[in-house]
């Protein structure tokens, strides 16, 4: 039996240890988790097969729902309120095989596919999108990127510890003056032939997992893009390790609107010496790797939006059943019926779009940008709209943190900015549609 199947179907001993103790849940939580079955009575069994394409996917979803209910949900509110990062909980995902979901088994990974990536992000975001964002930065922006683009020797060096959760990190692309215009980055690396070493200088901004200890030190490992030639696309990717001379935290970003339990930092590179063996892929050839990894990142972010929307719909349903006005439950009022039913239709449209792409996506392929952009563009706006409706349905209760929907609304806004703004998706999609054949 493969590592993936034995882990997901046989359930390792560490899986069961993760469930010891569950002292507290917030108000409204029990109802939100009252039905944890993977199969929903609200949609057809054929659609459920679409969302769980194999037995392994169904078991992965079931395992994650248990883990989210028992481990992620109880901590979500407090860690978001205090802007603290739950590093031990993220490391637990290494015990479950989730930090290397797409990594080959020979490097400690689980060896699964894009559909597994999507369902993992959907399930984690149902309770804590901020925690899931840190998971995405580590598992997709760092680990999947290395798994796809690094040499066998580099994979052997970096992946086992990252997959196990011993090293936690992310990716450095955006800069203080280069966001959507990513090829306008000014961070540069210069090669020293005498020492066979690159020297990296510059800054990276908005880096998830940039610090894990409140801004004292950097995270453990980062894939960093830097300019290495005169042409606009002359970009190279480097692995930068904690404690390399000149590598430090510029600042931790505090007081964010949402995703407050996910640490965000500015990273500074002051003539950091990078051994030639830490160059990932070809020199001046990282643009393709960057764009390819953006596709699975955007699909993961779209899946996060699905988790947010599903949670908000369930909260609305439960509240509409419990709350009475004018002698009736809220379910009896047309405005509430409209809010919930419209939200469900929009959620299902987004979910079908996301899984249609994920179920056929080859993680080693390139050129899936139109629908990677499209899923994120649609689902990010959909999740924010559904969360907004949930606040409105709950009234005053929706405006406070007790019922989670105001936090989910704030978290959803980041999905319209991070990993590509709505405007960048418009630009990319219009370009691809203009070039492409007529729709069939």
Protein backbone atom coordinates (compact mmCIF):
# COMPACT_ATOMS: atom_id res chain seq x y z
CA UNK A 1 0.00 0.00 0.00
CA UNK A 2 1.37 3.43 -0.92
CA UNK A 3 2.27 6.05 1.66
CA UNK A 4 -0.65 8.20 0.53
CA UNK A 5 -3.20 5.42 0.77
CA UNK A 6 -1.88 4.06 4.07
CA UNK A 7 -1.89 7.53 5.59
CA UNK A 8 -5.31 8.57 4.37
CA UNK A 9 -7.13 5.26 4.60
CA UNK A 10 -5.23 3.46 7.34
CA UNK A 11 -4.87 6.57 9.54
CA UNK A 12 -1.44 6.78 11.15
CA UNK A 13 -1.10 6.71 14.96
CA UNK A 14 -0.16 10.39 14.90
CA UNK A 15 -3.54 11.08 13.29
CA UNK A 16 -5.33 9.75 16.35
CA UNK A 17 -3.02 11.60 18.75
CA UNK A 18 -4.08 14.83 17.09
CA UNK A 19 -7.58 14.37 18.44
CA UNK A 20 -6.77 14.15 22.14
CA UNK A 21 -8.57 16.94 23.91
CA UNK A 22 -11.04 19.51 22.61
CA UNK A 23 -11.82 21.75 25.59
CA UNK A 24 -13.81 24.56 23.99
CA UNK A 25 -15.88 25.58 21.04
CA UNK A 26 -17.34 28.98 20.30
CA UNK A 27 -21.01 29.89 20.16
CA UNK A 28 -22.67 28.69 16.98
CA UNK A 29 -19.87 26.17 16.33
CA UNK A 30 -21.77 23.02 17.23
CA UNK A 31 -24.45 23.71 14.67
CA UNK A 32 -21.90 24.52 11.98
CA UNK A 33 -20.28 21.12 12.53
CA UNK A 34 -23.42 19.11 13.29
CA UNK A 35 -23.19 17.34 9.93
CA UNK A 36 -19.62 16.33 9.14
CA UNK A 37 -20.40 13.70 6.52
CA UNK A 38 -18.62 14.20 3.22
CA UNK A 39 -21.84 13.49 1.34
CA UNK A 40 -24.32 16.37 1.43
CA UNK A 41 -28.04 15.79 1.12
CA UNK A 42 -28.31 19.21 -0.55
CA UNK A 43 -26.74 18.16 -3.84
CA UNK A 44 -26.85 15.08 -6.01
CA UNK A 45 -24.59 12.10 -5.45
CA UNK A 46 -23.14 12.61 -8.93
CA UNK A 47 -21.94 16.07 -7.94
CA UNK A 48 -20.46 14.67 -4.74
CA UNK A 49 -18.48 12.22 -6.87
CA UNK A 50 -17.29 15.23 -8.86
CA UNK A 51 -16.03 16.88 -5.67
CA UNK A 52 -14.50 13.62 -4.38
CA UNK A 53 -13.22 11.99 -7.58
CA UNK A 54 -11.68 8.93 -5.88
CA UNK A 55 -11.96 7.04 -2.61
CA UNK A 56 -8.68 8.58 -1.50
CA UNK A 57 -10.10 12.08 -2.00
CA UNK A 58 -13.25 11.20 -0.06
CA UNK A 59 -11.19 9.82 2.82
CA UNK A 60 -8.89 12.84 2.78
CA UNK A 61 -11.92 15.12 3.05
CA UNK A 62 -13.39 13.05 5.88
CA UNK A 63 -10.10 13.09 7.77
CA UNK A 64 -9.78 16.84 7.30
CA UNK A 65 -13.31 17.54 8.50
CA UNK A 66 -12.58 15.66 11.71
CA UNK A 67 -9.28 17.48 12.16
CA UNK A 68 -10.81 20.89 11.44
CA UNK A 69 -13.67 20.31 13.88
CA UNK A 70 -11.44 19.07 16.69
CA UNK A 71 -8.26 21.09 16.22
CA UNK A 72 -8.70 24.10 13.92
CA UNK A 73 -12.11 25.42 14.96
CA UNK A 74 -11.46 25.71 18.74
CA UNK A 75 -8.43 27.97 18.24
CA UNK A 76 -9.56 30.10 15.31
CA UNK A 77 -11.27 32.99 17.08
CA UNK A 78 -8.60 33.58 19.73
CA UNK A 79 -5.62 33.41 17.38
CA UNK A 80 -7.29 35.81 14.94
CA UNK A 81 -8.27 38.26 17.67
CA UNK A 82 -4.74 38.35 19.08
CA UNK A 83 -2.94 38.25 15.70
CA UNK A 84 -0.95 35.20 16.78
CA UNK A 85 0.21 32.35 14.59
CA UNK A 86 -0.48 28.77 15.65
CA UNK A 87 2.82 27.24 14.56
CA UNK A 88 2.35 23.94 16.45
CA UNK A 89 -0.96 23.38 14.67
CA UNK A 90 0.66 23.94 11.27
CA UNK A 91 3.35 21.42 12.16
CA UNK A 92 0.59 18.90 12.92
CA UNK A 93 -0.34 19.05 9.24
CA UNK A 94 3.09 17.58 8.58
CA UNK A 95 2.14 14.61 10.76
CA UNK A 96 -0.97 14.14 8.61
CA UNK A 97 0.96 14.25 5.34
CA UNK A 98 -0.65 17.51 4.25
CA UNK A 99 2.43 19.73 4.01
CA UNK A 100 3.69 17.61 1.13
CA UNK A 101 0.38 16.82 -0.48
CA UNK A 102 1.76 17.10 -4.04
CA UNK A 103 5.32 15.94 -3.29
CA UNK A 104 6.71 12.61 -4.48
CA UNK A 105 6.68 9.89 -1.83
CA UNK A 106 10.45 9.41 -2.04
CA UNK A 107 10.87 12.86 -0.47
CA UNK A 108 8.30 12.23 2.26
CA UNK A 109 5.28 13.54 0.38
CA UNK A 110 1.83 12.12 -0.19
CA UNK A 111 1.94 12.22 -3.99
CA UNK A 112 -1.58 13.49 -4.63
CA UNK A 113 -3.05 15.88 -7.19
CA UNK A 114 -4.69 19.26 -7.74
CA UNK A 115 -8.09 17.97 -6.60
CA UNK A 116 -6.53 17.03 -3.25
CA UNK A 117 -5.01 20.52 -3.01
CA UNK A 118 -8.41 22.09 -3.61
CA UNK A 119 -10.32 20.03 -1.06
CA UNK A 120 -7.63 20.57 1.60
CA UNK A 121 -7.85 24.34 1.23
CA UNK A 122 -11.64 24.27 1.13
CA UNK A 123 -11.90 22.27 4.34
CA UNK A 124 -9.29 24.24 6.32
CA UNK A 125 -10.84 27.57 5.32
CA UNK A 126 -14.25 26.48 6.58
CA UNK A 127 -12.98 27.28 10.08
CA UNK A 128 -9.85 29.41 9.74
CA UNK A 129 -8.89 31.00 6.42
CA UNK A 130 -5.92 32.75 8.04
CA UNK A 131 -4.43 29.47 9.20
CA UNK A 132 -5.11 28.05 5.76
CA UNK A 133 -3.29 30.98 4.13
CA UNK A 134 -0.13 30.07 6.02
CA UNK A 135 -0.66 26.48 4.96
CA UNK A 136 -0.98 27.58 1.33
CA UNK A 137 2.18 29.69 1.47
CA UNK A 138 4.19 26.77 2.81
CA UNK A 139 2.66 23.83 0.92
CA UNK A 140 2.12 25.47 -2.48
CA UNK A 141 4.35 28.52 -2.80
CA UNK A 142 7.37 26.83 -1.28
CA UNK A 143 7.00 23.04 -1.18
CA UNK A 144 5.08 22.44 -4.42
CA UNK A 145 7.33 24.90 -6.22
CA UNK A 146 10.42 22.99 -5.11
CA UNK A 147 8.81 19.67 -5.94
CA UNK A 148 8.08 20.85 -9.47
CA UNK A 149 11.22 22.83 -10.29
CA UNK A 150 14.14 21.68 -8.11
CA UNK A 151 16.75 19.09 -9.03
CA UNK A 152 16.72 15.67 -7.32
CA UNK A 153 19.64 16.74 -5.15
CA UNK A 154 17.88 19.93 -4.11
CA UNK A 155 14.67 18.03 -3.37
CA UNK A 156 16.60 15.63 -1.16
CA UNK A 157 18.18 18.56 0.66
CA UNK A 158 15.15 20.77 1.24
CA UNK A 159 11.92 18.80 0.94
CA UNK A 160 11.97 16.19 3.74
CA UNK A 161 12.22 18.77 6.54
CA UNK A 162 9.67 21.08 4.85
CA UNK A 163 7.22 18.21 4.30
CA UNK A 164 7.59 17.04 7.90
CA UNK A 165 6.93 20.54 9.23
CA UNK A 166 10.40 20.88 10.75
CA UNK A 167 11.10 23.83 8.47
CA UNK A 168 8.30 26.30 7.70
CA UNK A 169 8.52 29.03 5.11
CA UNK A 170 7.09 30.57 1.98
CA UNK A 171 7.91 32.47 -1.18
CA UNK A 172 9.23 35.97 -1.89
CA UNK A 173 7.92 37.65 -5.03
CA UNK A 174 6.12 40.95 -4.23
CA UNK A 175 8.12 44.02 -3.27
CA UNK A 176 7.31 47.41 -1.74
CA UNK A 177 7.08 48.90 -5.24
CA UNK A 178 6.28 45.81 -7.33
CA UNK A 179 3.07 43.88 -6.78
CA UNK A 180 0.95 43.13 -9.82
CA UNK A 181 3.87 44.31 -11.98
CA UNK A 182 5.94 41.43 -10.68
CA UNK A 183 8.51 41.59 -13.48
CA UNK A 184 9.24 45.12 -12.33
CA UNK A 185 10.99 43.72 -9.25
CA UNK A 186 14.23 45.39 -8.23
CA UNK A 187 15.67 42.74 -5.88
CA UNK A 188 18.78 41.51 -7.65
CA UNK A 189 21.39 38.79 -7.39
CA UNK A 190 24.93 39.15 -8.73
CA UNK A 191 27.19 36.15 -9.30
CA UNK A 192 30.72 36.11 -7.90
CA UNK A 193 32.79 33.72 -10.03
CA UNK A 194 35.63 33.64 -7.53
CA UNK A 195 33.52 32.20 -4.72
CA UNK A 196 30.89 30.48 -6.91
CA UNK A 197 28.32 32.43 -4.90
CA UNK A 198 25.41 34.75 -5.64
CA UNK A 199 24.91 37.93 -3.61
CA UNK A 200 21.26 38.85 -3.08
CA UNK A 201 20.17 42.41 -2.33
CA UNK A 202 16.70 43.90 -1.98
CA UNK A 203 13.38 43.64 -0.15
CA UNK A 204 10.30 41.46 -0.37
CA UNK A 205 6.96 42.63 0.99
CA UNK A 206 3.72 40.98 2.16
CA UNK A 207 5.48 37.67 2.75
CA UNK A 208 3.27 35.08 4.44
CA UNK A 209 5.23 33.12 7.06
CA UNK A 210 7.99 35.72 6.73
CA UNK A 211 8.38 35.48 10.49
CA UNK A 212 7.16 32.75 12.82
CA UNK A 213 8.09 34.29 16.17
CA UNK A 214 6.47 37.71 16.18
CA UNK A 215 9.03 39.52 14.05
CA UNK A 216 12.20 38.49 15.87
CA UNK A 217 13.60 36.26 13.15
CA UNK A 218 12.68 35.05 9.67
CA UNK A 219 10.90 31.83 8.80
CA UNK A 220 13.05 28.83 8.01
CA UNK A 221 13.12 28.60 4.22
CA UNK A 222 12.03 30.76 1.29
CA UNK A 223 11.95 30.54 -2.46
CA UNK A 224 12.94 34.05 -3.54
CA UNK A 225 12.76 35.55 -7.03
CA UNK A 226 15.42 38.06 -8.05
CA UNK A 227 16.61 39.90 -11.13
CA UNK A 228 19.80 38.37 -12.57
CA UNK A 229 20.08 39.93 -16.04
CA UNK A 230 19.33 43.04 -18.11
CA UNK A 231 16.10 41.81 -19.70
CA UNK A 232 12.74 42.29 -18.00
CA UNK A 233 12.20 38.53 -17.80
CA UNK A 234 15.70 37.72 -16.55
CA UNK A 235 14.48 36.35 -13.22
CA UNK A 236 16.05 33.53 -11.20
CA UNK A 237 14.73 31.72 -8.13
CA UNK A 238 16.88 31.04 -5.09
CA UNK A 239 16.39 29.10 -1.86
CA UNK A 240 17.21 31.44 1.01
CA UNK A 241 17.69 29.80 4.41
CA UNK A 242 17.23 31.23 7.87
CA UNK A 243 20.38 32.67 9.46
CA UNK A 244 22.14 33.31 6.16
CA UNK A 245 24.24 36.45 6.72
CA UNK A 246 22.33 39.61 5.78
CA UNK A 247 18.90 37.92 5.72
CA UNK A 248 16.51 39.43 8.25
CA UNK A 249 12.99 40.62 9.02
CA UNK A 250 12.40 44.22 8.05
CA UNK A 251 9.09 44.39 9.90
CA UNK A 252 6.10 42.28 10.77
CA UNK A 253 2.89 43.73 9.32
CA UNK A 254 0.28 44.25 12.06
CA UNK A 255 -3.31 45.46 12.21
CA UNK A 256 -4.46 43.81 8.98
CA UNK A 257 -8.14 43.87 8.03
CA UNK A 258 -8.30 40.09 7.86
CA UNK A 259 -6.17 36.94 7.84
CA UNK A 260 -4.90 38.17 11.18
CA UNK A 261 -3.67 34.78 12.43
CA UNK A 262 -1.35 34.42 9.43
CA UNK A 263 1.98 36.23 9.92
CA UNK A 264 2.95 38.73 7.22
CA UNK A 265 6.36 40.37 7.02
CA UNK A 266 8.81 42.39 5.01
CA UNK A 267 12.04 40.49 4.35
CA UNK A 268 15.36 42.27 3.79
CA UNK A 269 18.36 40.88 1.89
CA UNK A 270 21.58 42.77 2.51
CA UNK A 271 24.19 41.24 0.20
CA UNK A 272 23.12 37.74 1.28
CA UNK A 273 25.56 35.09 -0.01
CA UNK A 274 23.66 32.30 -1.78
CA UNK A 275 25.55 29.16 -2.84
CA UNK A 276 25.17 28.23 -6.48
CA UNK A 277 23.53 24.99 -5.37
CA UNK A 278 20.55 27.01 -4.08
CA UNK A 279 19.61 28.21 -7.56
CA UNK A 280 16.34 26.52 -8.52
CA UNK A 281 16.06 25.82 -12.23
CA UNK A 282 17.90 27.75 -14.89
CA UNK A 283 19.51 31.13 -14.36
CA UNK A 284 17.24 33.78 -15.92
CA UNK A 285 14.62 31.07 -16.43
CA UNK A 286 12.34 31.41 -13.41
CA UNK A 287 9.57 33.41 -15.09
CA UNK A 288 7.92 30.26 -16.43
CA UNK A 289 8.24 28.54 -13.03
CA UNK A 290 6.72 31.59 -11.37
CA UNK A 291 3.73 31.73 -13.70
CA UNK A 292 3.13 27.98 -13.48
CA UNK A 293 3.06 28.05 -9.70
CA UNK A 294 0.72 31.05 -9.76
CA UNK A 295 -1.85 28.77 -11.42
CA UNK A 296 -2.06 26.27 -8.55
CA UNK A 297 -1.80 29.13 -6.02
CA UNK A 298 -4.84 30.83 -7.53
CA UNK A 299 -6.76 27.58 -7.60
CA UNK A 300 -5.91 27.08 -3.92
CA UNK A 301 -7.10 30.59 -3.09
CA UNK A 302 -10.34 29.96 -5.01
CA UNK A 303 -10.82 26.83 -2.92
CA UNK A 304 -10.35 28.88 0.23
CA UNK A 305 -13.21 31.06 -0.96
CA UNK A 306 -15.38 27.94 -1.21
CA UNK A 307 -14.72 27.08 2.42
CA UNK A 308 -15.64 30.60 3.50
CA UNK A 309 -18.85 30.58 1.49
CA UNK A 310 -19.96 27.15 2.68
CA UNK A 311 -19.44 28.10 6.32
CA UNK A 312 -21.42 31.32 5.87
CA UNK A 313 -24.29 29.47 4.20
CA UNK A 314 -24.44 26.95 7.04
CA UNK A 315 -24.45 29.76 9.61
CA UNK A 316 -27.31 31.47 7.76
CA UNK A 317 -29.29 28.23 7.59
CA UNK A 318 -28.89 27.51 11.30
CA UNK A 319 -29.70 31.06 12.34
CA UNK A 320 -32.76 31.20 10.09
CA UNK A 321 -34.05 28.05 11.76
CA UNK A 322 -33.46 29.26 15.33
CA UNK A 323 -34.40 32.93 15.14
CA UNK A 324 -38.07 33.94 15.19
CA UNK A 325 -39.64 37.25 14.22
CA UNK A 326 -43.30 38.18 14.06
CA UNK A 327 -44.18 34.68 15.20
CA UNK A 328 -42.30 32.93 12.38
CA UNK A 329 -38.81 31.60 11.77
CA UNK A 330 -36.63 33.65 9.44
CA UNK A 331 -36.97 30.88 6.86
CA UNK A 332 -40.52 32.11 6.25
CA UNK A 333 -39.42 35.52 4.97
CA UNK A 334 -38.73 36.03 1.28
CA UNK A 335 -35.70 38.24 1.83
CA UNK A 336 -34.00 35.53 3.89
CA UNK A 337 -34.97 32.85 1.39
CA UNK A 338 -33.41 34.96 -1.36
CA UNK A 339 -30.17 35.51 0.55
CA UNK A 340 -29.65 31.85 1.35
CA UNK A 341 -30.78 30.34 -1.94
CA UNK A 342 -28.84 32.83 -4.07
CA UNK A 343 -25.75 32.24 -1.95
CA UNK A 344 -26.06 28.49 -2.41
CA UNK A 345 -26.43 28.80 -6.20
CA UNK A 346 -23.39 31.07 -6.45
CA UNK A 347 -21.36 28.82 -4.16
CA UNK A 348 -22.21 25.72 -6.21
CA UNK A 349 -21.36 27.50 -9.45
CA UNK A 350 -17.95 28.40 -8.06
CA UNK A 351 -17.42 24.96 -6.59
CA UNK A 352 -18.16 23.26 -9.91
CA UNK A 353 -15.80 25.65 -11.73
CA UNK A 354 -12.99 25.01 -9.25
CA UNK A 355 -13.28 21.22 -9.28
CA UNK A 356 -13.73 21.10 -13.06
CA UNK A 357 -10.32 22.72 -13.38
CA UNK A 358 -8.69 20.80 -10.53
CA UNK A 359 -9.84 17.38 -11.71
CA UNK A 360 -8.03 17.75 -15.03
CA UNK A 361 -5.05 19.90 -14.00
CA UNK A 362 -1.58 18.44 -14.44
CA UNK A 363 0.61 20.14 -11.83
CA UNK A 364 3.60 19.96 -14.16
CA UNK A 365 1.74 21.69 -16.99
CA UNK A 366 1.65 25.34 -17.95
CA UNK A 367 -0.94 27.40 -19.79
CA UNK A 368 -3.93 27.02 -17.49
CA UNK A 369 -3.97 30.69 -16.58
CA UNK A 370 -7.32 31.60 -18.09
CA UNK A 371 -9.30 29.36 -15.76
CA UNK A 372 -6.90 29.64 -12.83
CA UNK A 373 -7.52 33.38 -12.98
CA UNK A 374 -11.21 32.79 -13.66
CA UNK A 375 -11.84 30.53 -10.67
CA UNK A 376 -10.17 32.95 -8.29
CA UNK A 377 -11.82 36.02 -9.79
CA UNK A 378 -15.29 34.51 -9.47
CA UNK A 379 -14.90 32.70 -6.16
CA UNK A 380 -13.17 35.53 -4.27
CA UNK A 381 -15.97 37.96 -5.07
CA UNK A 382 -18.57 35.28 -4.44
CA UNK A 383 -17.21 34.46 -0.97
CA UNK A 384 -17.15 38.10 0.10
CA UNK A 385 -20.70 38.59 -1.16
CA UNK A 386 -21.97 35.47 0.61
CA UNK A 387 -20.26 36.54 3.85
CA UNK A 388 -21.84 39.98 3.49
CA UNK A 389 -25.27 38.39 3.11
CA UNK A 390 -24.61 36.26 6.18
CA UNK A 391 -23.87 39.37 8.24
CA UNK A 392 -27.10 40.92 6.99
CA UNK A 393 -29.17 37.83 7.79
CA UNK A 394 -27.79 37.69 11.33
CA UNK A 395 -28.18 41.43 11.85
CA UNK A 396 -26.40 42.63 14.98
CA UNK A 397 -25.16 39.14 15.75
CA UNK A 398 -23.46 39.02 12.37
CA UNK A 399 -21.57 42.20 13.17
CA UNK A 400 -19.70 40.68 16.14
CA UNK A 401 -17.10 37.95 16.26
CA UNK A 402 -19.18 35.39 18.12
CA UNK A 403 -20.75 33.94 14.98
CA UNK A 404 -17.59 34.08 12.79
CA UNK A 405 -19.19 35.60 9.68
CA UNK A 406 -17.69 39.06 10.21
CA UNK A 407 -14.24 37.46 10.45
CA UNK A 408 -14.90 35.44 7.31
CA UNK A 409 -16.04 38.60 5.50
CA UNK A 410 -12.78 40.32 6.44
CA UNK A 411 -10.74 37.28 5.44
CA UNK A 412 -12.53 37.01 2.10
CA UNK A 413 -11.40 40.49 1.09
CA UNK A 414 -7.78 39.36 0.97
CA UNK A 415 -8.70 36.87 -1.77
CA UNK A 416 -9.50 39.82 -4.07
CA UNK A 417 -5.96 41.15 -3.57
CA UNK A 418 -3.45 38.45 -2.64
CA UNK A 419 -2.20 36.02 -5.27
CA UNK A 420 -3.36 38.46 -7.96
CA UNK A 421 -5.77 41.35 -7.70
CA UNK A 422 -9.17 41.25 -9.39
CA UNK A 423 -7.82 43.79 -11.86
CA UNK A 424 -4.85 41.59 -12.76
CA UNK A 425 -7.22 38.69 -13.42
CA UNK A 426 -9.29 40.92 -15.70
CA UNK A 427 -6.15 41.88 -17.62
CA UNK A 428 -4.84 38.33 -17.91
CA UNK A 429 -8.17 36.82 -18.89
CA UNK A 430 -8.93 39.50 -21.48
CA UNK A 431 -5.50 38.92 -23.05
CA UNK A 432 -6.02 35.14 -23.21
CA UNK A 433 -9.58 35.43 -24.51
CA UNK A 434 -8.51 37.88 -27.20
CA UNK A 435 -5.78 35.50 -28.39
CA UNK A 436 -7.83 32.33 -28.18
CA UNK A 437 -10.38 30.72 -30.46
CA UNK A 438 -14.08 31.34 -30.14
CA UNK A 439 -15.78 29.63 -27.22
CA UNK A 440 -17.53 26.38 -28.08
